[in-house]
C-alpha cells in the first residue's frame, strides 16, 4: 500500500475512533438510572368491571427508547405492551399489577396492589371536625370556620423567660365522617400531618399514615400554619379524603417590671436601655405556612413615680423590632416629645401611655425590600434617664 493510501486510511480510522467516543459519551449521559414508574386512573374506589387507565410515562431515563410490558393478573405473562394501557377486573378482590421496562440492555420492574370493590358499593365521606379556641389571649372571641384555630396563651411570664414560644396538643376528630350506607362501617382512619412531605416515599405527599384512629392527639405543635389530611376506608374497601387548615396563634405577656434609664448622656441624648423579647416567625409561601401579623402592646404610667420635686418625670418607652440579621425593621421612636405624648389612648386612661407596634406579614417575605422570617427580637426601649416601671408588655403572633 502506498504512503498516501496508508495516511488516508489512518486518518479515517482516527476520525471513526473519535466519533465513536463522542457517541459513547452521549449514550452515557442519556442512559441514567432505569426506574419503572406508573400511575393509574381512577386511583381509588375502583369498581368491578370499571376500565382502569395505566400510564408509565414517568419511567426513567427520560429521552430514551424504552419497552413496556404489563402483567395485570400476576400470572407472569405479558397482558399488554406500550407506555399506556387499560384493563378491567370483572371480580372484586386485590390484584397485583407489575410493569417491566427495558432499554435494550437493562430492565427493571415495579409492582402495585389494586383493590377492586363491588360495583354497587357506596363510598364513605371523610370529614374533619373544625375547632377554634373560645377566646384569644386578649379575651376576645375567636371566629369559627372550616378550619382549626388554636391559641396558646402564656400570660404573666417571668422576666427570666423572654422567649415568645410554646407548644400545644391538638385533638383531630373525624367523628363527623360517615361510612356511606347504614349497613357499612369505617374500618380505617389515616391522618397525614404534613401534606407537603412524602414520609413513606411512595411519590404521594398526601397519603402518609402519621397517626391512626377516629380521634387522635397531635402533639408538640408550635405557632404556625399547617394543613393536615384524613383518609378513611369503609368495610367495602372504598375510601375518601378530607383536609383542613390548622392555625396555631400565640400570645405572651410580661407584667409589672422595671426598666432602667438610659446611660451615657451627651449632646445627642443618651443610649437607651433595652429589654429583648425573642420570637420565631414562620413564613414559607410554598408550604402555605405564613403569618398574618406580629403585634407588640406596651402600657406604662405617663409619669414615673416617685418623682423628685422640680423634675419632669414623663416616661418615654418605645418598641423596636430586629430580624435575625440584626437589621432594624420597625420602631415606634417618635420625632419629638409632643408626638410621643399624643400616642396615649385606647385602653389607657389619662395616666397611662399605650404603645403598639404591628409587623405585617409582608415584612416577613423573602424579597429585597423586606426582612425575612426566622428568629426575631422585639425590644422594649427606655429613652429617658429615669428608671421606668412597666405595667405590661404583650406580644402576639397571629397566624389566622
Protein backbone atom coordinates (compact mmCIF):
# COMPACT_ATOMS: atom_id res chain seq x y z
CA UNK A 1 0.00 0.00 0.00
CA UNK A 2 1.37 3.42 -0.93
CA UNK A 3 2.25 6.06 1.65
CA UNK A 4 -0.64 8.27 0.57
CA UNK A 5 -3.20 5.44 0.97
CA UNK A 6 -1.79 4.49 4.37
CA UNK A 7 -2.04 8.08 5.59
CA UNK A 8 -5.62 8.35 4.31
CA UNK A 9 -6.63 5.08 5.98
CA UNK A 10 -5.01 6.09 9.27
CA UNK A 11 -6.78 9.45 9.25
CA UNK A 12 -10.12 7.74 8.58
CA UNK A 13 -9.63 5.29 11.43
CA UNK A 14 -8.71 8.11 13.80
CA UNK A 15 -11.86 10.05 12.81
CA UNK A 16 -14.10 7.00 13.31
CA UNK A 17 -12.49 6.31 16.68
CA UNK A 18 -13.05 9.90 17.77
CA UNK A 19 -16.68 9.84 16.65
CA UNK A 20 -17.25 6.54 18.43
CA UNK A 21 -16.01 8.14 21.63
CA UNK A 22 -18.45 11.03 21.20
CA UNK A 23 -21.36 8.68 20.55
CA UNK A 24 -20.43 6.68 23.64
CA UNK A 25 -20.40 9.79 25.86
CA UNK A 26 -23.83 10.90 24.60
CA UNK A 27 -25.17 7.43 25.31
CA UNK A 28 -23.77 7.51 28.82
CA UNK A 29 -25.34 10.91 29.51
CA UNK A 30 -28.82 9.84 28.40
CA UNK A 31 -28.82 6.32 29.86
CA UNK A 32 -29.05 7.09 33.56
CA UNK A 33 -30.72 5.00 36.25
CA UNK A 34 -33.53 2.84 34.91
CA UNK A 35 -36.69 3.01 37.01
CA UNK A 36 -40.16 1.66 36.23
CA UNK A 37 -42.87 4.10 37.35
CA UNK A 38 -46.58 4.02 36.60
CA UNK A 39 -49.81 5.70 37.64
CA UNK A 40 -53.40 4.61 37.14
CA UNK A 41 -56.80 6.26 36.98
CA UNK A 42 -59.08 6.06 38.83
CA UNK A 43 -56.56 5.85 41.68
CA UNK A 44 -59.13 4.92 44.36
CA UNK A 45 -62.55 3.32 44.64
CA UNK A 46 -62.04 1.11 41.58
CA UNK A 47 -65.13 -0.97 40.88
CA UNK A 48 -65.52 -4.38 39.31
CA UNK A 49 -65.87 -4.05 35.53
CA UNK A 50 -64.54 -0.47 35.50
CA UNK A 51 -61.86 0.39 32.93
CA UNK A 52 -58.54 1.43 34.51
CA UNK A 53 -56.06 3.55 32.53
CA UNK A 54 -52.37 2.87 33.20
CA UNK A 55 -49.53 5.24 32.26
CA UNK A 56 -45.77 4.59 32.56
CA UNK A 57 -44.72 7.98 31.20
CA UNK A 58 -42.79 8.90 34.37
CA UNK A 59 -40.39 5.99 34.00
CA UNK A 60 -36.66 6.75 33.78
CA UNK A 61 -34.45 7.54 31.98
CA UNK A 62 -36.21 10.23 30.01
CA UNK A 63 -35.42 10.65 26.34
CA UNK A 64 -34.50 7.00 25.82
CA UNK A 65 -36.48 4.46 23.81
CA UNK A 66 -37.95 2.05 26.37
CA UNK A 67 -40.11 -1.03 26.03
CA UNK A 68 -43.01 -1.60 28.44
CA UNK A 69 -44.55 -4.91 29.48
CA UNK A 70 -47.63 -5.15 31.71
CA UNK A 71 -48.75 -8.09 33.85
CA UNK A 72 -52.17 -7.25 35.30
CA UNK A 73 -53.05 -10.56 36.98
CA UNK A 74 -49.78 -11.87 38.47
CA UNK A 75 -49.58 -14.88 36.16
CA UNK A 76 -46.08 -13.95 34.90
CA UNK A 77 -47.37 -13.46 31.37
CA UNK A 78 -47.49 -10.29 29.31
CA UNK A 79 -51.03 -8.88 29.17
CA UNK A 80 -50.17 -5.66 27.29
CA UNK A 81 -47.28 -3.62 25.91
CA UNK A 82 -46.77 0.08 25.35
CA UNK A 83 -46.33 3.15 27.54
CA UNK A 84 -50.08 3.31 28.19
CA UNK A 85 -52.63 0.56 28.52
CA UNK A 86 -56.03 -0.17 30.07
CA UNK A 87 -57.52 -3.11 31.93
CA UNK A 88 -60.57 -4.09 33.94
CA UNK A 89 -61.28 -6.72 36.56
CA UNK A 90 -64.67 -8.46 36.48
CA UNK A 91 -64.46 -9.66 40.09
CA UNK A 92 -63.79 -7.93 43.40
CA UNK A 93 -60.53 -8.59 45.21
CA UNK A 94 -56.92 -7.45 45.49
CA UNK A 95 -54.75 -7.70 42.39
CA UNK A 96 -51.05 -7.05 41.81
CA UNK A 97 -50.01 -5.10 38.69
CA UNK A 98 -46.39 -5.37 37.52
CA UNK A 99 -44.69 -3.10 34.99
CA UNK A 100 -41.34 -4.12 33.48
CA UNK A 101 -39.35 -1.66 31.38
CA UNK A 102 -36.18 -2.17 29.37
CA UNK A 103 -33.75 -0.01 27.43
CA UNK A 104 -32.43 -2.96 25.45
CA UNK A 105 -29.62 -3.87 27.82
CA UNK A 106 -31.16 -3.34 31.25
CA UNK A 107 -34.59 -3.95 32.71
CA UNK A 108 -36.42 -3.07 35.91
CA UNK A 109 -39.83 -3.90 37.37
CA UNK A 110 -42.21 -2.36 39.87
CA UNK A 111 -45.49 -3.67 41.31
CA UNK A 112 -48.55 -2.16 42.95
CA UNK A 113 -51.62 -3.66 44.59
CA UNK A 114 -55.09 -2.60 43.42
CA UNK A 115 -58.25 -3.22 45.42
CA UNK A 116 -61.36 -3.81 43.32
CA UNK A 117 -64.70 -3.29 45.07
CA UNK A 118 -68.27 -4.20 44.27
CA UNK A 119 -69.85 -2.08 41.56
CA UNK A 120 -72.81 -1.18 43.79
CA UNK A 121 -70.78 -0.23 46.89
CA UNK A 122 -71.38 3.27 48.34
CA UNK A 123 -68.24 5.31 49.16
CA UNK A 124 -67.73 6.87 52.60
CA UNK A 125 -67.48 10.60 53.33
CA UNK A 126 -64.43 11.87 55.22
CA UNK A 127 -64.89 14.99 57.32
CA UNK A 128 -62.50 16.61 59.80
CA UNK A 129 -64.30 18.48 62.59
CA UNK A 130 -63.39 22.21 62.67
CA UNK A 131 -62.44 23.73 66.03
CA UNK A 132 -61.45 27.14 67.41
CA UNK A 133 -60.40 28.36 70.83
CA UNK A 134 -63.25 30.13 72.62
CA UNK A 135 -61.12 33.24 73.20
CA UNK A 136 -57.77 34.61 72.10
CA UNK A 137 -55.14 35.77 74.60
CA UNK A 138 -56.84 39.16 74.90
CA UNK A 139 -60.11 37.55 75.95
CA UNK A 140 -61.80 38.28 72.63
CA UNK A 141 -63.98 35.76 70.80
CA UNK A 142 -62.26 33.71 68.09
CA UNK A 143 -64.03 33.42 64.74
CA UNK A 144 -65.11 29.94 63.68
CA UNK A 145 -64.96 28.49 60.17
CA UNK A 146 -63.92 25.46 58.18
CA UNK A 147 -60.55 25.33 59.88
CA UNK A 148 -58.87 24.71 63.23
CA UNK A 149 -57.58 27.78 65.09
CA UNK A 150 -55.93 27.26 68.47
CA UNK A 151 -54.43 29.96 70.70
CA UNK A 152 -51.51 29.28 73.05
CA UNK A 153 -51.52 31.83 75.88
CA UNK A 154 -48.54 32.31 78.21
CA UNK A 155 -49.70 35.10 80.47
CA UNK A 156 -47.62 36.79 83.17
CA UNK A 157 -44.34 35.18 82.16
CA UNK A 158 -41.25 35.67 84.29
CA UNK A 159 -38.60 38.12 83.08
CA UNK A 160 -36.13 35.23 83.18
CA UNK A 161 -38.01 33.74 80.22
CA UNK A 162 -38.29 36.35 77.49
CA UNK A 163 -38.93 33.95 74.59
CA UNK A 164 -42.36 34.05 72.99
CA UNK A 165 -42.81 30.42 72.05
CA UNK A 166 -44.85 27.45 73.17
CA UNK A 167 -46.33 24.09 72.21
CA UNK A 168 -49.82 22.66 72.26
CA UNK A 169 -51.53 19.31 71.73
CA UNK A 170 -54.33 19.47 69.14
CA UNK A 171 -57.14 16.92 69.05
CA UNK A 172 -58.01 15.90 65.49
CA UNK A 173 -61.51 14.48 65.22
CA UNK A 174 -63.02 12.53 62.32
CA UNK A 175 -66.27 11.76 64.16
CA UNK A 176 -68.39 13.61 61.58
CA UNK A 177 -67.30 11.17 58.85
CA UNK A 178 -69.82 8.63 57.52
CA UNK A 179 -69.39 5.09 56.20
CA UNK A 180 -71.58 5.58 53.11
CA UNK A 181 -74.52 3.32 53.97
CA UNK A 182 -76.31 2.09 57.06
CA UNK A 183 -75.06 -1.47 56.63
CA UNK A 184 -71.39 -0.42 56.34
CA UNK A 185 -68.74 0.88 58.74
CA UNK A 186 -65.45 2.79 58.68
CA UNK A 187 -62.58 0.34 59.11
CA UNK A 188 -59.57 2.69 58.92
CA UNK A 189 -58.76 6.32 59.76
CA UNK A 190 -55.37 7.59 58.50
CA UNK A 191 -54.01 11.07 59.30
CA UNK A 192 -51.33 12.81 57.22
CA UNK A 193 -49.87 15.62 59.34
CA UNK A 194 -47.83 17.29 56.57
CA UNK A 195 -49.30 17.34 53.08
CA UNK A 196 -46.07 18.78 51.61
CA UNK A 197 -43.79 15.95 52.78
CA UNK A 198 -43.76 12.39 51.41
CA UNK A 199 -42.93 10.47 54.61
CA UNK A 200 -43.39 6.98 53.17
CA UNK A 201 -41.51 7.70 49.93
CA UNK A 202 -44.22 6.41 47.60
CA UNK A 203 -44.31 9.57 45.47
CA UNK A 204 -47.54 10.88 47.01
CA UNK A 205 -47.10 13.50 49.75
CA UNK A 206 -50.79 13.39 50.79
CA UNK A 207 -51.28 9.74 51.75
CA UNK A 208 -48.87 9.19 54.66
CA UNK A 209 -50.13 7.37 57.75
CA UNK A 210 -48.68 9.55 60.52
CA UNK A 211 -51.45 8.80 63.03
CA UNK A 212 -54.32 6.32 63.00
CA UNK A 213 -57.72 6.49 64.68
CA UNK A 214 -61.05 8.30 64.64
CA UNK A 215 -59.78 10.79 67.24
CA UNK A 216 -56.04 11.41 67.63
CA UNK A 217 -53.77 13.74 69.57
CA UNK A 218 -51.30 15.73 67.50
CA UNK A 219 -48.58 16.69 69.98
CA UNK A 220 -45.91 19.38 70.38
CA UNK A 221 -47.29 21.84 67.81
CA UNK A 222 -45.61 25.23 67.79
CA UNK A 223 -47.09 28.50 66.46
CA UNK A 224 -47.61 28.37 62.71
CA UNK A 225 -49.97 27.48 59.89
CA UNK A 226 -50.38 23.84 58.87
CA UNK A 227 -52.54 21.59 56.71
CA UNK A 228 -53.45 18.03 57.65
CA UNK A 229 -55.29 15.34 55.73
CA UNK A 230 -57.63 12.48 56.66
CA UNK A 231 -58.23 9.31 54.64
CA UNK A 232 -60.93 6.82 55.66
CA UNK A 233 -61.75 3.36 54.30
CA UNK A 234 -65.08 1.63 54.79
CA UNK A 235 -65.85 -2.05 55.09
CA UNK A 236 -66.37 -2.39 51.32
CA UNK A 237 -62.84 -1.10 50.69
CA UNK A 238 -63.92 2.30 49.34
CA UNK A 239 -62.12 5.40 50.56
CA UNK A 240 -62.49 9.17 50.81
CA UNK A 241 -60.24 12.02 51.92
CA UNK A 242 -60.55 15.43 53.53
CA UNK A 243 -58.06 18.12 54.54
CA UNK A 244 -58.17 21.15 56.79
CA UNK A 245 -56.06 24.18 57.62
CA UNK A 246 -54.70 24.40 61.17
CA UNK A 247 -53.66 27.75 62.65
CA UNK A 248 -51.76 27.99 65.93
CA UNK A 249 -51.50 31.57 67.22
CA UNK A 250 -49.60 32.63 70.32
CA UNK A 251 -49.71 35.32 72.96
CA UNK A 252 -47.33 36.09 75.85
CA UNK A 253 -47.39 38.83 78.46
CA UNK A 254 -44.91 40.18 80.99
CA UNK A 255 -46.40 42.24 83.81
CA UNK A 256 -45.22 44.85 86.32
CA UNK A 257 -41.48 45.08 85.75
CA UNK A 258 -38.91 47.92 85.80
CA UNK A 259 -36.59 49.01 83.02
CA UNK A 260 -33.51 51.06 83.84
CA UNK A 261 -32.88 54.53 82.48
CA UNK A 262 -30.68 55.25 79.51
CA UNK A 263 -26.98 55.88 80.08
CA UNK A 264 -24.04 57.92 78.74
CA UNK A 265 -25.88 61.20 78.35
CA UNK A 266 -24.32 63.55 75.79
CA UNK A 267 -25.34 66.27 73.40
CA UNK A 268 -27.11 63.77 71.20
CA UNK A 269 -29.15 62.32 74.04
CA UNK A 270 -28.43 59.02 75.73
CA UNK A 271 -28.11 55.36 74.87
CA UNK A 272 -31.45 53.71 75.65
CA UNK A 273 -31.75 50.73 77.97
CA UNK A 274 -33.45 47.88 76.13
CA UNK A 275 -35.01 44.56 77.15
CA UNK A 276 -35.09 41.89 74.44
CA UNK A 277 -38.03 39.56 73.74
CA UNK A 278 -37.36 36.82 71.20
CA UNK A 279 -39.81 35.05 68.90
CA UNK A 280 -39.75 32.88 65.78
CA UNK A 281 -41.74 33.69 62.65
CA UNK A 282 -42.83 31.15 60.03
CA UNK A 283 -43.26 32.49 56.51
CA UNK A 284 -42.96 29.91 53.74
CA UNK A 285 -45.19 30.70 50.79
CA UNK A 286 -44.51 27.34 49.10
CA UNK A 287 -45.75 25.29 52.07
CA UNK A 288 -48.51 27.79 52.96
CA UNK A 289 -47.11 28.41 56.44
CA UNK A 290 -47.45 32.18 56.58
CA UNK A 291 -48.02 34.52 59.50
CA UNK A 292 -50.68 37.23 59.40
CA UNK A 293 -49.06 39.72 61.79
CA UNK A 294 -47.00 40.20 64.95
CA UNK A 295 -48.27 42.76 67.47
CA UNK A 296 -46.47 44.28 70.45
CA UNK A 297 -48.51 46.21 73.04
CA UNK A 298 -46.79 48.21 75.77
CA UNK A 299 -48.50 50.03 78.66
CA UNK A 300 -46.86 52.14 81.38
CA UNK A 301 -47.56 55.23 83.56
CA UNK A 302 -47.34 58.58 81.79
CA UNK A 303 -45.19 59.81 84.68
CA UNK A 304 -42.69 57.76 86.59
CA UNK A 305 -43.21 57.87 90.37
CA UNK A 306 -41.88 58.82 92.78
CA UNK A 307 -40.62 61.92 91.02
CA UNK A 308 -38.31 64.39 92.80
CA UNK A 309 -39.74 67.92 93.26
CA UNK A 310 -38.85 70.25 90.46
CA UNK A 311 -38.18 67.45 87.95
CA UNK A 312 -40.21 66.28 84.98
CA UNK A 313 -40.54 62.51 85.06
CA UNK A 314 -42.53 61.84 81.91
CA UNK A 315 -41.64 58.39 80.64
CA UNK A 316 -40.65 57.60 77.08
CA UNK A 317 -40.69 53.91 76.20
CA UNK A 318 -40.66 52.55 72.68
CA UNK A 319 -40.69 49.27 70.79
CA UNK A 320 -38.04 48.33 68.26
CA UNK A 321 -38.03 45.16 66.07
CA UNK A 322 -34.98 43.41 64.60
CA UNK A 323 -34.73 40.41 62.27
CA UNK A 324 -32.20 37.60 62.69
CA UNK A 325 -29.63 39.59 60.71
CA UNK A 326 -29.89 42.29 63.40
CA UNK A 327 -31.45 44.72 60.94
CA UNK A 328 -33.87 47.23 62.48
CA UNK A 329 -37.14 46.57 60.71
CA UNK A 330 -39.51 48.92 62.54
CA UNK A 331 -39.76 51.09 65.64
CA UNK A 332 -42.13 53.45 67.44
CA UNK A 333 -39.47 56.08 68.16
CA UNK A 334 -41.22 59.49 67.91
CA UNK A 335 -39.91 62.60 66.21
CA UNK A 336 -40.31 64.68 69.37
CA UNK A 337 -41.87 64.58 72.83
CA UNK A 338 -45.14 66.12 71.69
CA UNK A 339 -45.60 63.38 69.10
CA UNK A 340 -44.77 60.85 71.76
CA UNK A 341 -47.30 62.12 74.28
CA UNK A 342 -50.06 62.08 71.65
CA UNK A 343 -49.92 58.29 71.47
CA UNK A 344 -51.92 57.74 74.64
CA UNK A 345 -55.40 56.31 74.19
CA UNK A 346 -57.09 53.02 73.51
CA UNK A 347 -57.43 51.09 76.77
CA UNK A 348 -55.15 53.58 78.50
CA UNK A 349 -56.65 56.10 80.91
CA UNK A 350 -55.39 59.63 81.38
CA UNK A 351 -52.47 58.40 83.50
CA UNK A 352 -51.23 55.69 81.12
CA UNK A 353 -49.39 55.50 77.85
CA UNK A 354 -50.08 52.73 75.35
CA UNK A 355 -47.62 51.97 72.57
CA UNK A 356 -48.49 49.48 69.84
CA UNK A 357 -46.32 48.20 67.02
CA UNK A 358 -47.66 45.87 64.30
CA UNK A 359 -45.39 43.92 61.96
CA UNK A 360 -47.42 42.92 58.89
CA UNK A 361 -47.00 39.64 57.04
CA UNK A 362 -45.34 41.46 54.14
CA UNK A 363 -42.39 42.30 56.37
CA UNK A 364 -41.50 38.60 56.68
CA UNK A 365 -41.46 37.78 52.97
CA UNK A 366 -38.09 36.97 51.45
CA UNK A 367 -37.59 39.83 49.00
CA UNK A 368 -35.05 42.61 48.59
CA UNK A 369 -37.28 45.16 50.35
CA UNK A 370 -38.32 43.03 53.33
CA UNK A 371 -36.67 41.31 56.26
CA UNK A 372 -37.49 37.62 56.01
CA UNK A 373 -38.78 35.05 58.50
CA UNK A 374 -36.86 33.18 61.20
CA UNK A 375 -35.63 34.48 64.56
CA UNK A 376 -36.80 37.96 65.51
CA UNK A 377 -36.42 40.25 68.52
CA UNK A 378 -38.72 42.97 69.82
CA UNK A 379 -37.10 45.35 72.30
CA UNK A 380 -38.72 47.49 74.98
CA UNK A 381 -36.59 50.64 74.96
CA UNK A 382 -36.31 53.29 77.70
CA UNK A 383 -35.24 56.61 76.20
CA UNK A 384 -35.17 58.62 79.45
CA UNK A 385 -32.57 58.75 82.21
CA UNK A 386 -35.03 57.69 84.92
CA UNK A 387 -35.90 54.09 85.64
CA UNK A 388 -39.41 53.33 84.41
CA UNK A 389 -41.96 50.88 85.74
CA UNK A 390 -43.87 48.95 83.07
CA UNK A 391 -47.45 47.83 83.61
CA UNK A 392 -47.46 45.25 80.82
CA UNK A 393 -45.83 44.13 77.61
CA UNK A 394 -47.93 41.85 75.39
CA UNK A 395 -46.55 40.08 72.31
CA UNK A 396 -48.85 38.23 69.90
CA UNK A 397 -48.09 36.03 66.87
CA UNK A 398 -51.29 35.86 64.82
CA UNK A 399 -51.48 33.15 62.13
CA UNK A 400 -55.21 33.49 61.31
